[in-house]
Amino acid sequence: FARDGQIVLNIAPRAVGNLELGDDAVRFNARFGGVPRNVYVPISAVMAIYSRENGAGTMFEPEPAYENEMPLMSVEDEEASSEPSMTVIDGNLPDPSAESDDDGDEPTPPPRGRPSLRVVK
């Protein structure tokens, strides 16, 4: 979760895969909203590693690059900037500008009610 400009990540072995605590970065695989992601966090951006249950852990000195907050850019500043910008695009979603091959039928509504799980032995 994110709060006060900080992101708290659960890196418990049951929550992430391939956890690697290196000298230069923390790397692991995790799911966000059901989508698998490879996560890379530079050690200079890590403020602390601690146990949520008892608070035991280690805090790190803030890096000079992260002490000064970056000023927020206004819309005018963004438009004036000549640097290219990048956005994340989900390649699994259909292109809304592409013509659809529908035959005019309305999509079926999702089932109503609570989702349920069944125990299979």
PDB file of N, CA and C in Angstrom:
ATOM      1  N   PHE A   1       0.838  -1.181   0.000  1.00  0.00           N
ATOM      2  CA  PHE A   1       0.000   0.000   0.000  1.00  0.00           C
ATOM      3  C   PHE A   1       0.878   1.238   0.000  1.00  0.00           C
ATOM      4  N   ALA A   2       0.327   2.359  -0.409  1.00  0.00           N
ATOM      5  CA  ALA A   2       1.070   3.623  -0.458  1.00  0.00           C
ATOM      6  C   ALA A   2       0.470   4.593   0.550  1.00  0.00           C
ATOM      7  N   ARG A   3       1.355   5.286   1.291  1.00  0.00           N
ATOM      8  CA  ARG A   3       0.904   6.259   2.280  1.00  0.00           C
ATOM      9  C   ARG A   3       2.038   7.232   2.547  1.00  0.00           C
ATOM     10  N   ASP A   4       1.722   8.511   2.601  1.00  0.00           N
ATOM     11  CA  ASP A   4       2.693   9.566   2.912  1.00  0.00           C
ATOM     12  C   ASP A   4       3.918   9.520   1.995  1.00  0.00           C
ATOM     13  N   GLY A   5       3.710   9.254   0.723  1.00  0.00           N
ATOM     14  CA  GLY A   5       4.815   9.228  -0.222  1.00  0.00           C
ATOM     15  C   GLY A   5       5.705   8.008  -0.115  1.00  0.00           C
ATOM     16  N   GLN A   6       5.278   7.003   0.632  1.00  0.00           N
ATOM     17  CA  GLN A   6       6.058   5.781   0.792  1.00  0.00           C
ATOM     18  C   GLN A   6       5.227   4.600   0.314  1.00  0.00           C
ATOM     19  N   ILE A   7       5.897   3.604  -0.232  1.00  0.00           N
ATOM     20  CA  ILE A   7       5.239   2.372  -0.655  1.00  0.00           C
ATOM     21  C   ILE A   7       5.713   1.264   0.265  1.00  0.00           C
ATOM     22  N   VAL A   8       4.775   0.557   0.880  1.00  0.00           N
ATOM     23  CA  VAL A   8       5.095  -0.564   1.757  1.00  0.00           C
ATOM     24  C   VAL A   8       4.800  -1.846   0.985  1.00  0.00           C
ATOM     25  N   LEU A   9       5.815  -2.695   0.835  1.00  0.00           N
ATOM     26  CA  LEU A   9       5.675  -3.949   0.105  1.00  0.00           C
ATOM     27  C   LEU A   9       5.844  -5.124   1.051  1.00  0.00           C
ATOM     28  N   ASN A  10       4.970  -6.109   0.932  1.00  0.00           N
ATOM     29  CA  ASN A  10       5.067  -7.338   1.707  1.00  0.00           C
ATOM     30  C   ASN A  10       5.996  -8.280   0.952  1.00  0.00           C
ATOM     31  N   ILE A  11       7.179  -8.543   1.513  1.00  0.00           N
ATOM     32  CA  ILE A  11       8.128  -9.428   0.842  1.00  0.00           C
ATOM     33  C   ILE A  11       8.272 -10.752   1.583  1.00  0.00           C
ATOM     34  N   ALA A  12       7.228 -11.154   2.295  1.00  0.00           N
ATOM     35  CA  ALA A  12       7.239 -12.449   2.972  1.00  0.00           C
ATOM     36  C   ALA A  12       7.337 -13.549   1.915  1.00  0.00           C
ATOM     37  N   PRO A  13       7.999 -14.656   2.241  1.00  0.00           N
ATOM     38  CA  PRO A  13       8.154 -15.736   1.257  1.00  0.00           C
ATOM     39  C   PRO A  13       6.829 -16.246   0.687  1.00  0.00           C
ATOM     40  N   ARG A  14       5.765 -16.195   1.445  1.00  0.00           N
ATOM     41  CA  ARG A  14       4.473 -16.658   0.931  1.00  0.00           C
ATOM     42  C   ARG A  14       3.821 -15.631   0.002  1.00  0.00           C
ATOM     43  N   ALA A  15       4.308 -14.383   0.014  1.00  0.00           N
ATOM     44  CA  ALA A  15       3.712 -13.325  -0.800  1.00  0.00           C
ATOM     45  C   ALA A  15       4.477 -13.055  -2.090  1.00  0.00           C
ATOM     46  N   VAL A  16       5.752 -13.404  -2.133  1.00  0.00           N
ATOM     47  CA  VAL A  16       6.575 -13.116  -3.317  1.00  0.00           C
ATOM     48  C   VAL A  16       7.353 -14.365  -3.719  1.00  0.00           C
ATOM     49  N   GLY A  17       7.875 -14.338  -4.916  1.00  0.00           N
ATOM     50  CA  GLY A  17       8.709 -15.433  -5.397  1.00  0.00           C
ATOM     51  C   GLY A  17      10.065 -14.903  -5.812  1.00  0.00           C
ATOM     52  N   ASN A  18      11.065 -15.760  -5.773  1.00  0.00           N
ATOM     53  CA  ASN A  18      12.427 -15.417  -6.200  1.00  0.00           C
ATOM     54  C   ASN A  18      12.954 -14.167  -5.505  1.00  0.00           C
ATOM     55  N   LEU A  19      12.751 -14.070  -4.200  1.00  0.00           N
ATOM     56  CA  LEU A  19      13.233 -12.914  -3.441  1.00  0.00           C
ATOM     57  C   LEU A  19      14.754 -12.916  -3.417  1.00  0.00           C
ATOM     58  N   GLU A  20      15.341 -11.776  -3.789  1.00  0.00           N
ATOM     59  CA  GLU A  20      16.793 -11.626  -3.795  1.00  0.00           C
ATOM     60  C   GLU A  20      17.143 -10.293  -3.141  1.00  0.00           C
ATOM     61  N   LEU A  21      17.781 -10.358  -1.970  1.00  0.00           N
ATOM     62  CA  LEU A  21      18.244  -9.159  -1.275  1.00  0.00           C
ATOM     63  C   LEU A  21      19.725  -9.006  -1.591  1.00  0.00           C
ATOM     64  N   GLY A  22      20.043  -8.170  -2.559  1.00  0.00           N
ATOM     65  CA  GLY A  22      21.426  -7.983  -2.986  1.00  0.00           C
ATOM     66  C   GLY A  22      22.033  -6.734  -2.390  1.00  0.00           C
ATOM     67  N   ASP A  23      23.311  -6.494  -2.711  1.00  0.00           N
ATOM     68  CA  ASP A  23      24.002  -5.300  -2.233  1.00  0.00           C
ATOM     69  C   ASP A  23      23.505  -4.041  -2.936  1.00  0.00           C
ATOM     70  N   ASP A  24      23.006  -4.197  -4.160  1.00  0.00           N
ATOM     71  CA  ASP A  24      22.591  -3.033  -4.936  1.00  0.00           C
ATOM     72  C   ASP A  24      21.081  -2.873  -5.061  1.00  0.00           C
ATOM     73  N   ALA A  25      20.315  -3.964  -4.870  1.00  0.00           N
ATOM     74  CA  ALA A  25      18.866  -3.872  -5.076  1.00  0.00           C
ATOM     75  C   ALA A  25      18.140  -5.024  -4.401  1.00  0.00           C
ATOM     76  N   VAL A  26      16.831  -4.840  -4.257  1.00  0.00           N
ATOM     77  CA  VAL A  26      15.924  -5.896  -3.813  1.00  0.00           C
ATOM     78  C   VAL A  26      15.112  -6.279  -5.044  1.00  0.00           C
ATOM     79  N   ARG A  27      15.123  -7.563  -5.385  1.00  0.00           N
ATOM     80  CA  ARG A  27      14.393  -8.046  -6.559  1.00  0.00           C
ATOM     81  C   ARG A  27      13.462  -9.168  -6.127  1.00  0.00           C
ATOM     82  N   PHE A  28      12.263  -9.203  -6.724  1.00  0.00           N
ATOM     83  CA  PHE A  28      11.337 -10.301  -6.469  1.00  0.00           C
ATOM     84  C   PHE A  28      10.228 -10.286  -7.504  1.00  0.00           C
ATOM     85  N   ASN A  29       9.482 -11.378  -7.551  1.00  0.00           N
ATOM     86  CA  ASN A  29       8.301 -11.490  -8.401  1.00  0.00           C
ATOM     87  C   ASN A  29       7.083 -11.408  -7.499  1.00  0.00           C
ATOM     88  N   ALA A  30       6.076 -10.650  -7.921  1.00  0.00           N
ATOM     89  CA  ALA A  30       4.859 -10.491  -7.122  1.00  0.00           C
ATOM     90  C   ALA A  30       3.675 -10.303  -8.052  1.00  0.00           C
ATOM     91  N   ARG A  31       2.479 -10.390  -7.478  1.00  0.00           N
ATOM     92  CA  ARG A  31       1.246 -10.155  -8.229  1.00  0.00           C
ATOM     93  C   ARG A  31       0.592  -8.901  -7.687  1.00  0.00           C
ATOM     94  N   PHE A  32       0.205  -8.013  -8.601  1.00  0.00           N
ATOM     95  CA  PHE A  32      -0.518  -6.798  -8.252  1.00  0.00           C
ATOM     96  C   PHE A  32      -1.808  -6.814  -9.051  1.00  0.00           C
ATOM     97  N   GLY A  33      -2.932  -6.920  -8.353  1.00  0.00           N
ATOM     98  CA  GLY A  33      -4.216  -7.009  -9.041  1.00  0.00           C
ATOM     99  C   GLY A  33      -4.311  -8.260  -9.890  1.00  0.00           C
ATOM    100  N   GLY A  34      -3.648  -9.331  -9.480  1.00  0.00           N
ATOM    101  CA  GLY A  34      -3.680 -10.583 -10.217  1.00  0.00           C
ATOM    102  C   GLY A  34      -2.727 -10.646 -11.395  1.00  0.00           C
ATOM    103  N   VAL A  35      -1.969  -9.575 -11.635  1.00  0.00           N
ATOM    104  CA  VAL A  35      -1.038  -9.525 -12.766  1.00  0.00           C
ATOM    105  C   VAL A  35       0.383  -9.748 -12.246  1.00  0.00           C
ATOM    106  N   PRO A  36       1.082 -10.779 -12.736  1.00  0.00           N
ATOM    107  CA  PRO A  36       2.449 -11.022 -12.265  1.00  0.00           C
ATOM    108  C   PRO A  36       3.402  -9.930 -12.750  1.00  0.00           C
ATOM    109  N   ARG A  37       4.276  -9.495 -11.851  1.00  0.00           N
ATOM    110  CA  ARG A  37       5.243  -8.433 -12.162  1.00  0.00           C
ATOM    111  C   ARG A  37       6.604  -8.799 -11.590  1.00  0.00           C
ATOM    112  N   ASN A  38       7.665  -8.368 -12.269  1.00  0.00           N
ATOM    113  CA  ASN A  38       9.025  -8.434 -11.740  1.00  0.00           C
ATOM    114  C   ASN A  38       9.294  -7.092 -11.081  1.00  0.00           C
ATOM    115  N   VAL A  39       9.695  -7.108  -9.809  1.00  0.00           N
ATOM    116  CA  VAL A  39       9.908  -5.871  -9.057  1.00  0.00           C
ATOM    117  C   VAL A  39      11.400  -5.705  -8.785  1.00  0.00           C
ATOM    118  N   TYR A  40      11.898  -4.498  -9.054  1.00  0.00           N
ATOM    119  CA  TYR A  40      13.291  -4.139  -8.805  1.00  0.00           C
ATOM    120  C   TYR A  40      13.284  -2.842  -8.012  1.00  0.00           C
ATOM    121  N   VAL A  41      13.854  -2.866  -6.811  1.00  0.00           N
ATOM    122  CA  VAL A  41      13.918  -1.674  -5.967  1.00  0.00           C
ATOM    123  C   VAL A  41      15.384  -1.422  -5.635  1.00  0.00           C
ATOM    124  N   PRO A  42      15.953  -0.293  -6.076  1.00  0.00           N
ATOM    125  CA  PRO A  42      17.344   0.008  -5.718  1.00  0.00           C
ATOM    126  C   PRO A  42      17.480   0.149  -4.202  1.00  0.00           C
ATOM    127  N   ILE A  43      18.570  -0.349  -3.659  1.00  0.00           N
ATOM    128  CA  ILE A  43      18.793  -0.274  -2.210  1.00  0.00           C
ATOM    129  C   ILE A  43      18.750   1.172  -1.732  1.00  0.00           C
ATOM    130  N   SER A  44      19.185   2.108  -2.558  1.00  0.00           N
ATOM    131  CA  SER A  44      19.173   3.515  -2.147  1.00  0.00           C
ATOM    132  C   SER A  44      17.754   4.038  -1.928  1.00  0.00           C
ATOM    133  N   ALA A  45      16.739   3.365  -2.472  1.00  0.00           N
ATOM    134  CA  ALA A  45      15.351   3.787  -2.297  1.00  0.00           C
ATOM    135  C   ALA A  45      14.672   3.078  -1.129  1.00  0.00           C
ATOM    136  N   VAL A  46      15.341   2.095  -0.514  1.00  0.00           N
ATOM    137  CA  VAL A  46      14.764   1.347   0.608  1.00  0.00           C
ATOM    138  C   VAL A  46      15.027   2.111   1.896  1.00  0.00           C
ATOM    139  N   MET A  47      13.965   2.409   2.635  1.00  0.00           N
ATOM    140  CA  MET A  47      14.108   3.136   3.902  1.00  0.00           C
ATOM    141  C   MET A  47      14.219   2.198   5.093  1.00  0.00           C
ATOM    142  N   ALA A  48      13.549   1.025   5.019  1.00  0.00           N
ATOM    143  CA  ALA A  48      13.580   0.091   6.138  1.00  0.00           C
ATOM    144  C   ALA A  48      13.127  -1.280   5.672  1.00  0.00           C
ATOM    145  N   ILE A  49      13.580  -2.283   6.390  1.00  0.00           N
ATOM    146  CA  ILE A  49      13.073  -3.644   6.245  1.00  0.00           C
ATOM    147  C   ILE A  49      12.717  -4.078   7.652  1.00  0.00           C
ATOM    148  N   TYR A  50      11.436  -4.399   7.854  1.00  0.00           N
ATOM    149  CA  TYR A  50      11.000  -4.719   9.211  1.00  0.00           C
ATOM    150  C   TYR A  50       9.866  -5.730   9.191  1.00  0.00           C
ATOM    151  N   SER A  51       9.633  -6.323  10.355  1.00  0.00           N
ATOM    152  CA  SER A  51       8.541  -7.264  10.544  1.00  0.00           C
ATOM    153  C   SER A  51       7.312  -6.499  10.999  1.00  0.00           C
ATOM    154  N   ARG A  52       6.221  -6.688  10.314  1.00  0.00           N
ATOM    155  CA  ARG A  52       4.986  -5.994  10.680  1.00  0.00           C
ATOM    156  C   ARG A  52       4.443  -6.506  12.024  1.00  0.00           C
ATOM    157  N   GLU A  53       4.669  -7.790  12.325  1.00  0.00           N
ATOM    158  CA  GLU A  53       4.124  -8.385  13.545  1.00  0.00           C
ATOM    159  C   GLU A  53       4.710  -7.771  14.810  1.00  0.00           C
ATOM    160  N   ASN A  54       6.041  -7.611  14.851  1.00  0.00           N
ATOM    161  CA  ASN A  54       6.650  -7.102  16.082  1.00  0.00           C
ATOM    162  C   ASN A  54       7.482  -5.836  15.876  1.00  0.00           C
ATOM    163  N   GLY A  55       7.593  -5.351  14.649  1.00  0.00           N
ATOM    164  CA  GLY A  55       8.323  -4.113  14.376  1.00  0.00           C
ATOM    165  C   GLY A  55       9.827  -4.258  14.360  1.00  0.00           C
ATOM    166  N   ALA A  56      10.344  -5.475  14.570  1.00  0.00           N
ATOM    167  CA  ALA A  56      11.789  -5.686  14.554  1.00  0.00           C
ATOM    168  C   ALA A  56      12.301  -5.564  13.126  1.00  0.00           C
ATOM    169  N   GLY A  57      13.438  -4.907  12.967  1.00  0.00           N
ATOM    170  CA  GLY A  57      13.999  -4.774  11.631  1.00  0.00           C
ATOM    171  C   GLY A  57      15.129  -3.778  11.599  1.00  0.00           C
ATOM    172  N   THR A  58      15.412  -3.269  10.418  1.00  0.00           N
ATOM    173  CA  THR A  58      16.520  -2.354  10.201  1.00  0.00           C
ATOM    174  C   THR A  58      16.057  -1.143   9.425  1.00  0.00           C
ATOM    175  N   MET A  59      16.476   0.048   9.887  1.00  0.00           N
ATOM    176  CA  MET A  59      16.214   1.280   9.141  1.00  0.00           C
ATOM    177  C   MET A  59      17.523   1.712   8.503  1.00  0.00           C
ATOM    178  N   PHE A  60      17.421   2.333   7.335  1.00  0.00           N
ATOM    179  CA  PHE A  60      18.596   2.786   6.603  1.00  0.00           C
ATOM    180  C   PHE A  60      18.625   4.303   6.560  1.00  0.00           C
ATOM    181  N   GLU A  61      19.831   4.857   6.407  1.00  0.00           N
ATOM    182  CA  GLU A  61      19.982   6.305   6.259  1.00  0.00           C
ATOM    183  C   GLU A  61      19.398   6.723   4.916  1.00  0.00           C
ATOM    184  N   PRO A  62      18.679   7.848   4.878  1.00  0.00           N
ATOM    185  CA  PRO A  62      18.141   8.295   3.584  1.00  0.00           C
ATOM    186  C   PRO A  62      19.266   8.700   2.639  1.00  0.00           C
ATOM    187  N   GLU A  63      19.103   8.362   1.391  1.00  0.00           N
ATOM    188  CA  GLU A  63      20.078   8.723   0.367  1.00  0.00           C
ATOM    189  C   GLU A  63      19.878  10.182  -0.022  1.00  0.00           C
ATOM    190  N   PRO A  64      20.951  10.918  -0.316  1.00  0.00           N
ATOM    191  CA  PRO A  64      20.819  12.335  -0.683  1.00  0.00           C
ATOM    192  C   PRO A  64      19.907  12.558  -1.887  1.00  0.00           C
ATOM    193  N   ALA A  65      19.897  11.635  -2.822  1.00  0.00           N
ATOM    194  CA  ALA A  65      19.065  11.811  -4.019  1.00  0.00           C
ATOM    195  C   ALA A  65      17.583  11.788  -3.683  1.00  0.00           C
ATOM    196  N   TYR A  66      17.206  11.142  -2.571  1.00  0.00           N
ATOM    197  CA  TYR A  66      15.801  11.020  -2.210  1.00  0.00           C
ATOM    198  C   TYR A  66      15.371  11.986  -1.112  1.00  0.00           C
ATOM    199  N   GLU A  67      16.306  12.748  -0.541  1.00  0.00           N
ATOM    200  CA  GLU A  67      15.945  13.671   0.530  1.00  0.00           C
ATOM    201  C   GLU A  67      15.122  14.838   0.019  1.00  0.00           C
ATOM    202  N   ASN A  68      15.505  15.413  -1.106  1.00  0.00           N
ATOM    203  CA  ASN A  68      14.774  16.546  -1.661  1.00  0.00           C
ATOM    204  C   ASN A  68      13.646  16.029  -2.531  1.00  0.00           C
ATOM    205  N   GLU A  69      12.433  16.442  -2.197  1.00  0.00           N
ATOM    206  CA  GLU A  69      11.299  16.006  -2.993  1.00  0.00           C
ATOM    207  C   GLU A  69      11.289  16.752  -4.311  1.00  0.00           C
ATOM    208  N   MET A  70      10.924  16.052  -5.349  1.00  0.00           N
ATOM    209  CA  MET A  70      10.835  16.662  -6.671  1.00  0.00           C
ATOM    210  C   MET A  70       9.580  17.528  -6.725  1.00  0.00           C
ATOM    211  N   PRO A  71       9.668  18.759  -7.255  1.00  0.00           N
ATOM    212  CA  PRO A  71       8.464  19.571  -7.383  1.00  0.00           C
ATOM    213  C   PRO A  71       7.532  18.962  -8.417  1.00  0.00           C
ATOM    214  N   LEU A  72       6.232  19.063  -8.153  1.00  0.00           N
ATOM    215  CA  LEU A  72       5.251  18.541  -9.086  1.00  0.00           C
ATOM    216  C   LEU A  72       5.194  19.434 -10.309  1.00  0.00           C
ATOM    217  N   MET A  73       5.100  18.827 -11.471  1.00  0.00           N
ATOM    218  CA  MET A  73       5.026  19.589 -12.713  1.00  0.00           C
ATOM    219  C   MET A  73       3.574  19.930 -13.008  1.00  0.00           C
ATOM    220  N   SER A  74       3.358  21.120 -13.497  1.00  0.00           N
ATOM    221  CA  SER A  74       2.010  21.499 -13.902  1.00  0.00           C
ATOM    222  C   SER A  74       1.778  21.027 -15.328  1.00  0.00           C
ATOM    223  N   VAL A  75       0.547  21.123 -15.788  1.00  0.00           N
ATOM    224  CA  VAL A  75       0.211  20.696 -17.142  1.00  0.00           C
ATOM    225  C   VAL A  75       1.004  21.499 -18.159  1.00  0.00           C
ATOM    226  N   GLU A  76       1.184  22.804 -17.917  1.00  0.00           N
ATOM    227  CA  GLU A  76       1.937  23.638 -18.843  1.00  0.00           C
ATOM    228  C   GLU A  76       3.385  23.172 -18.929  1.00  0.00           C
ATOM    229  N   ASP A  77       3.975  22.800 -17.775  1.00  0.00           N
ATOM    230  CA  ASP A  77       5.353  22.329 -17.765  1.00  0.00           C
ATOM    231  C   ASP A  77       5.489  21.031 -18.550  1.00  0.00           C
ATOM    232  N   GLU A  78       4.510  20.138 -18.410  1.00  0.00           N
ATOM    233  CA  GLU A  78       4.563  18.869 -19.115  1.00  0.00           C
ATOM    234  C   GLU A  78       4.465  19.081 -20.616  1.00  0.00           C
ATOM    235  N   GLU A  79       3.611  20.013 -21.040  1.00  0.00           N
ATOM    236  CA  GLU A  79       3.462  20.273 -22.465  1.00  0.00           C
ATOM    237  C   GLU A  79       4.714  20.930 -23.028  1.00  0.00           C
ATOM    238  N   ALA A  80       5.387  21.770 -22.236  1.00  0.00           N
ATOM    239  CA  ALA A  80       6.580  22.467 -22.697  1.00  0.00           C
ATOM    240  C   ALA A  80       7.788  21.540 -22.741  1.00  0.00           C
ATOM    241  N   SER A  81       7.767  20.472 -21.980  1.00  0.00           N
ATOM    242  CA  SER A  81       8.892  19.547 -21.934  1.00  0.00           C
ATOM    243  C   SER A  81       9.029  18.825 -23.269  1.00  0.00           C
ATOM    244  N   SER A  82      10.267  18.781 -23.777  1.00  0.00           N
ATOM    245  CA  SER A  82      10.484  18.116 -25.053  1.00  0.00           C
ATOM    246  C   SER A  82      10.919  16.667 -24.870  1.00  0.00           C
ATOM    247  N   GLU A  83      11.058  16.233 -23.622  1.00  0.00           N
ATOM    248  CA  GLU A  83      11.470  14.866 -23.374  1.00  0.00           C
ATOM    249  C   GLU A  83      10.315  13.918 -23.665  1.00  0.00           C
ATOM    250  N   PRO A  84      10.613  12.759 -24.262  1.00  0.00           N
ATOM    251  CA  PRO A  84       9.536  11.795 -24.519  1.00  0.00           C
ATOM    252  C   PRO A  84       9.053  11.203 -23.203  1.00  0.00           C
ATOM    253  N   SER A  85       7.789  10.855 -23.164  1.00  0.00           N
ATOM    254  CA  SER A  85       7.241  10.246 -21.959  1.00  0.00           C
ATOM    255  C   SER A  85       6.852   8.810 -22.267  1.00  0.00           C
ATOM    256  N   MET A  86       6.812   7.993 -21.217  1.00  0.00           N
ATOM    257  CA  MET A  86       6.471   6.588 -21.379  1.00  0.00           C
ATOM    258  C   MET A  86       5.220   6.289 -20.581  1.00  0.00           C
ATOM    259  N   THR A  87       4.401   5.401 -21.105  1.00  0.00           N
ATOM    260  CA  THR A  87       3.221   4.944 -20.395  1.00  0.00           C
ATOM    261  C   THR A  87       3.161   3.431 -20.481  1.00  0.00           C
ATOM    262  N   VAL A  88       2.459   2.811 -19.528  1.00  0.00           N
ATOM    263  CA  VAL A  88       2.288   1.369 -19.521  1.00  0.00           C
ATOM    264  C   VAL A  88       1.037   1.041 -20.316  1.00  0.00           C
ATOM    265  N   ILE A  89       1.178   0.120 -21.247  1.00  0.00           N
ATOM    266  CA  ILE A  89       0.049  -0.308 -22.064  1.00  0.00           C
ATOM    267  C   ILE A  89      -0.101  -1.802 -21.886  1.00  0.00           C
ATOM    268  N   ASP A  90      -1.306  -2.232 -21.537  1.00  0.00           N
ATOM    269  CA  ASP A  90      -1.586  -3.650 -21.371  1.00  0.00           C
ATOM    270  C   ASP A  90      -1.837  -4.249 -22.746  1.00  0.00           C
ATOM    271  N   GLY A  91      -0.939  -5.087 -23.218  1.00  0.00           N
ATOM    272  CA  GLY A  91      -1.055  -5.678 -24.543  1.00  0.00           C
ATOM    273  C   GLY A  91      -2.169  -6.696 -24.660  1.00  0.00           C
ATOM    274  N   ASN A  92      -2.740  -7.139 -23.522  1.00  0.00           N
ATOM    275  CA  ASN A  92      -3.806  -8.130 -23.569  1.00  0.00           C
ATOM    276  C   ASN A  92      -5.168  -7.513 -23.821  1.00  0.00           C
ATOM    277  N   LEU A  93      -5.281  -6.198 -23.680  1.00  0.00           N
ATOM    278  CA  LEU A  93      -6.562  -5.545 -23.894  1.00  0.00           C
ATOM    279  C   LEU A  93      -6.764  -5.283 -25.374  1.00  0.00           C
ATOM    280  N   PRO A  94      -8.009  -5.409 -25.864  1.00  0.00           N
ATOM    281  CA  PRO A  94      -8.255  -5.125 -27.278  1.00  0.00           C
ATOM    282  C   PRO A  94      -8.092  -3.644 -27.569  1.00  0.00           C
ATOM    283  N   ASP A  95      -7.701  -3.329 -28.789  1.00  0.00           N
ATOM    284  CA  ASP A  95      -7.521  -1.953 -29.225  1.00  0.00           C
ATOM    285  C   ASP A  95      -8.888  -1.324 -29.446  1.00  0.00           C
ATOM    286  N   PRO A  96      -9.238  -0.256 -28.694  1.00  0.00           N
ATOM    287  CA  PRO A  96     -10.573   0.324 -28.848  1.00  0.00           C
ATOM    288  C   PRO A  96     -10.789   0.952 -30.212  1.00  0.00           C
ATOM    289  N   SER A  97      -9.712   1.336 -30.916  1.00  0.00           N
ATOM    290  CA  SER A  97      -9.877   1.951 -32.220  1.00  0.00           C
ATOM    291  C   SER A  97     -10.055   0.912 -33.322  1.00  0.00           C
ATOM    292  N   ALA A  98      -9.725  -0.338 -33.035  1.00  0.00           N
ATOM    293  CA  ALA A  98      -9.869  -1.385 -34.045  1.00  0.00           C
ATOM    294  C   ALA A  98     -11.334  -1.769 -34.186  1.00  0.00           C
ATOM    295  N   GLU A  99     -11.705  -2.163 -35.407  1.00  0.00           N
ATOM    296  CA  GLU A  99     -13.085  -2.574 -35.630  1.00  0.00           C
ATOM    297  C   GLU A  99     -13.318  -3.905 -34.949  1.00  0.00           C
ATOM    298  N   SER A 100     -14.488  -4.067 -34.370  1.00  0.00           N
ATOM    299  CA  SER A 100     -14.801  -5.318 -33.702  1.00  0.00           C
ATOM    300  C   SER A 100     -15.525  -6.232 -34.676  1.00  0.00           C
ATOM    301  N   ASP A 101     -15.401  -7.518 -34.447  1.00  0.00           N
ATOM    302  CA  ASP A 101     -16.043  -8.511 -35.298  1.00  0.00           C
ATOM    303  C   ASP A 101     -17.365  -8.967 -34.704  1.00  0.00           C
ATOM    304  N   ASP A 102     -17.979  -8.146 -33.839  1.00  0.00           N
ATOM    305  CA  ASP A 102     -19.257  -8.511 -33.241  1.00  0.00           C
ATOM    306  C   ASP A 102     -20.331  -8.583 -34.307  1.00  0.00           C
ATOM    307  N   ASP A 103     -21.288  -9.455 -34.071  1.00  0.00           N
ATOM    308  CA  ASP A 103     -22.413  -9.537 -34.985  1.00  0.00           C
ATOM    309  C   ASP A 103     -23.614  -8.789 -34.421  1.00  0.00           C
ATOM    310  N   GLY A 104     -23.359  -7.821 -33.539  1.00  0.00           N
ATOM    311  CA  GLY A 104     -24.425  -6.980 -33.011  1.00  0.00           C
ATOM    312  C   GLY A 104     -25.046  -7.497 -31.729  1.00  0.00           C
ATOM    313  N   ASP A 105     -24.670  -8.687 -31.271  1.00  0.00           N
ATOM    314  CA  ASP A 105     -25.246  -9.225 -30.040  1.00  0.00           C
ATOM    315  C   ASP A 105     -24.687  -8.475 -28.845  1.00  0.00           C
ATOM    316  N   GLU A 106     -25.525  -8.307 -27.842  1.00  0.00           N
ATOM    317  CA  GLU A 106     -25.061  -7.674 -26.615  1.00  0.00           C
ATOM    318  C   GLU A 106     -24.252  -8.687 -25.822  1.00  0.00           C
ATOM    319  N   PRO A 107     -23.210  -8.244 -25.117  1.00  0.00           N
ATOM    320  CA  PRO A 107     -22.427  -9.178 -24.305  1.00  0.00           C
ATOM    321  C   PRO A 107     -23.274  -9.714 -23.162  1.00  0.00           C
ATOM    322  N   THR A 108     -22.988 -10.950 -22.770  1.00  0.00           N
ATOM    323  CA  THR A 108     -23.740 -11.547 -21.672  1.00  0.00           C
ATOM    324  C   THR A 108     -23.295 -10.917 -20.368  1.00  0.00           C
ATOM    325  N   PRO A 109     -24.233 -10.574 -19.494  1.00  0.00           N
ATOM    326  CA  PRO A 109     -23.860  -9.960 -18.218  1.00  0.00           C
ATOM    327  C   PRO A 109     -23.179 -10.988 -17.316  1.00  0.00           C
ATOM    328  N   PRO A 110     -22.291 -10.528 -16.428  1.00  0.00           N
ATOM    329  CA  PRO A 110     -21.643 -11.459 -15.500  1.00  0.00           C
ATOM    330  C   PRO A 110     -22.672 -12.025 -14.533  1.00  0.00           C
ATOM    331  N   PRO A 111     -22.420 -13.216 -13.994  1.00  0.00           N
ATOM    332  CA  PRO A 111     -23.371 -13.814 -13.049  1.00  0.00           C
ATOM    333  C   PRO A 111     -23.506 -12.957 -11.794  1.00  0.00           C
ATOM    334  N   ARG A 112     -24.681 -12.938 -11.250  1.00  0.00           N
ATOM    335  CA  ARG A 112     -24.968 -12.142 -10.055  1.00  0.00           C
ATOM    336  C   ARG A 112     -24.720 -12.974  -8.800  1.00  0.00           C
ATOM    337  N   GLY A 113     -24.590 -12.292  -7.676  1.00  0.00           N
ATOM    338  CA  GLY A 113     -24.425 -12.974  -6.395  1.00  0.00           C
ATOM    339  C   GLY A 113     -22.970 -13.019  -5.970  1.00  0.00           C
ATOM    340  N   ARG A 114     -22.754 -13.606  -4.812  1.00  0.00           N
ATOM    341  CA  ARG A 114     -21.407 -13.699  -4.265  1.00  0.00           C
ATOM    342  C   ARG A 114     -20.618 -14.784  -4.968  1.00  0.00           C
ATOM    343  N   PRO A 115     -19.342 -14.559  -5.180  1.00  0.00           N
ATOM    344  CA  PRO A 115     -18.506 -15.630  -5.713  1.00  0.00           C
ATOM    345  C   PRO A 115     -18.355 -16.722  -4.663  1.00  0.00           C
ATOM    346  N   SER A 116     -18.147 -17.936  -5.105  1.00  0.00           N
ATOM    347  CA  SER A 116     -18.016 -19.025  -4.143  1.00  0.00           C
ATOM    348  C   SER A 116     -16.855 -19.921  -4.540  1.00  0.00           C
ATOM    349  N   LEU A 117     -16.270 -20.533  -3.542  1.00  0.00           N
ATOM    350  CA  LEU A 117     -15.194 -21.493  -3.743  1.00  0.00           C
ATOM    351  C   LEU A 117     -15.662 -22.844  -3.238  1.00  0.00           C
ATOM    352  N   ARG A 118     -15.177 -23.906  -3.867  1.00  0.00           N
ATOM    353  CA  ARG A 118     -15.572 -25.243  -3.472  1.00  0.00           C
ATOM    354  C   ARG A 118     -14.315 -26.023  -3.123  1.00  0.00           C
ATOM    355  N   VAL A 119     -14.331 -26.746  -2.011  1.00  0.00           N
ATOM    356  CA  VAL A 119     -13.200 -27.558  -1.588  1.00  0.00           C
ATOM    357  C   VAL A 119     -13.261 -28.884  -2.334  1.00  0.00           C
ATOM    358  N   VAL A 120     -12.178 -29.217  -3.035  1.00  0.00           N
ATOM    359  CA  VAL A 120     -12.098 -30.473  -3.774  1.00  0.00           C
ATOM    360  C   VAL A 120     -11.020 -31.312  -3.119  1.00  0.00           C
ATOM    361  N   LYS A 121     -11.386 -32.531  -2.718  1.00  0.00           N
ATOM    362  CA  LYS A 121     -10.419 -33.407  -2.048  1.00  0.00           C
ATOM    363  C   LYS A 121      -9.922 -34.468  -2.991  1.00  0.00           C
TER     364      LYS A 121
END
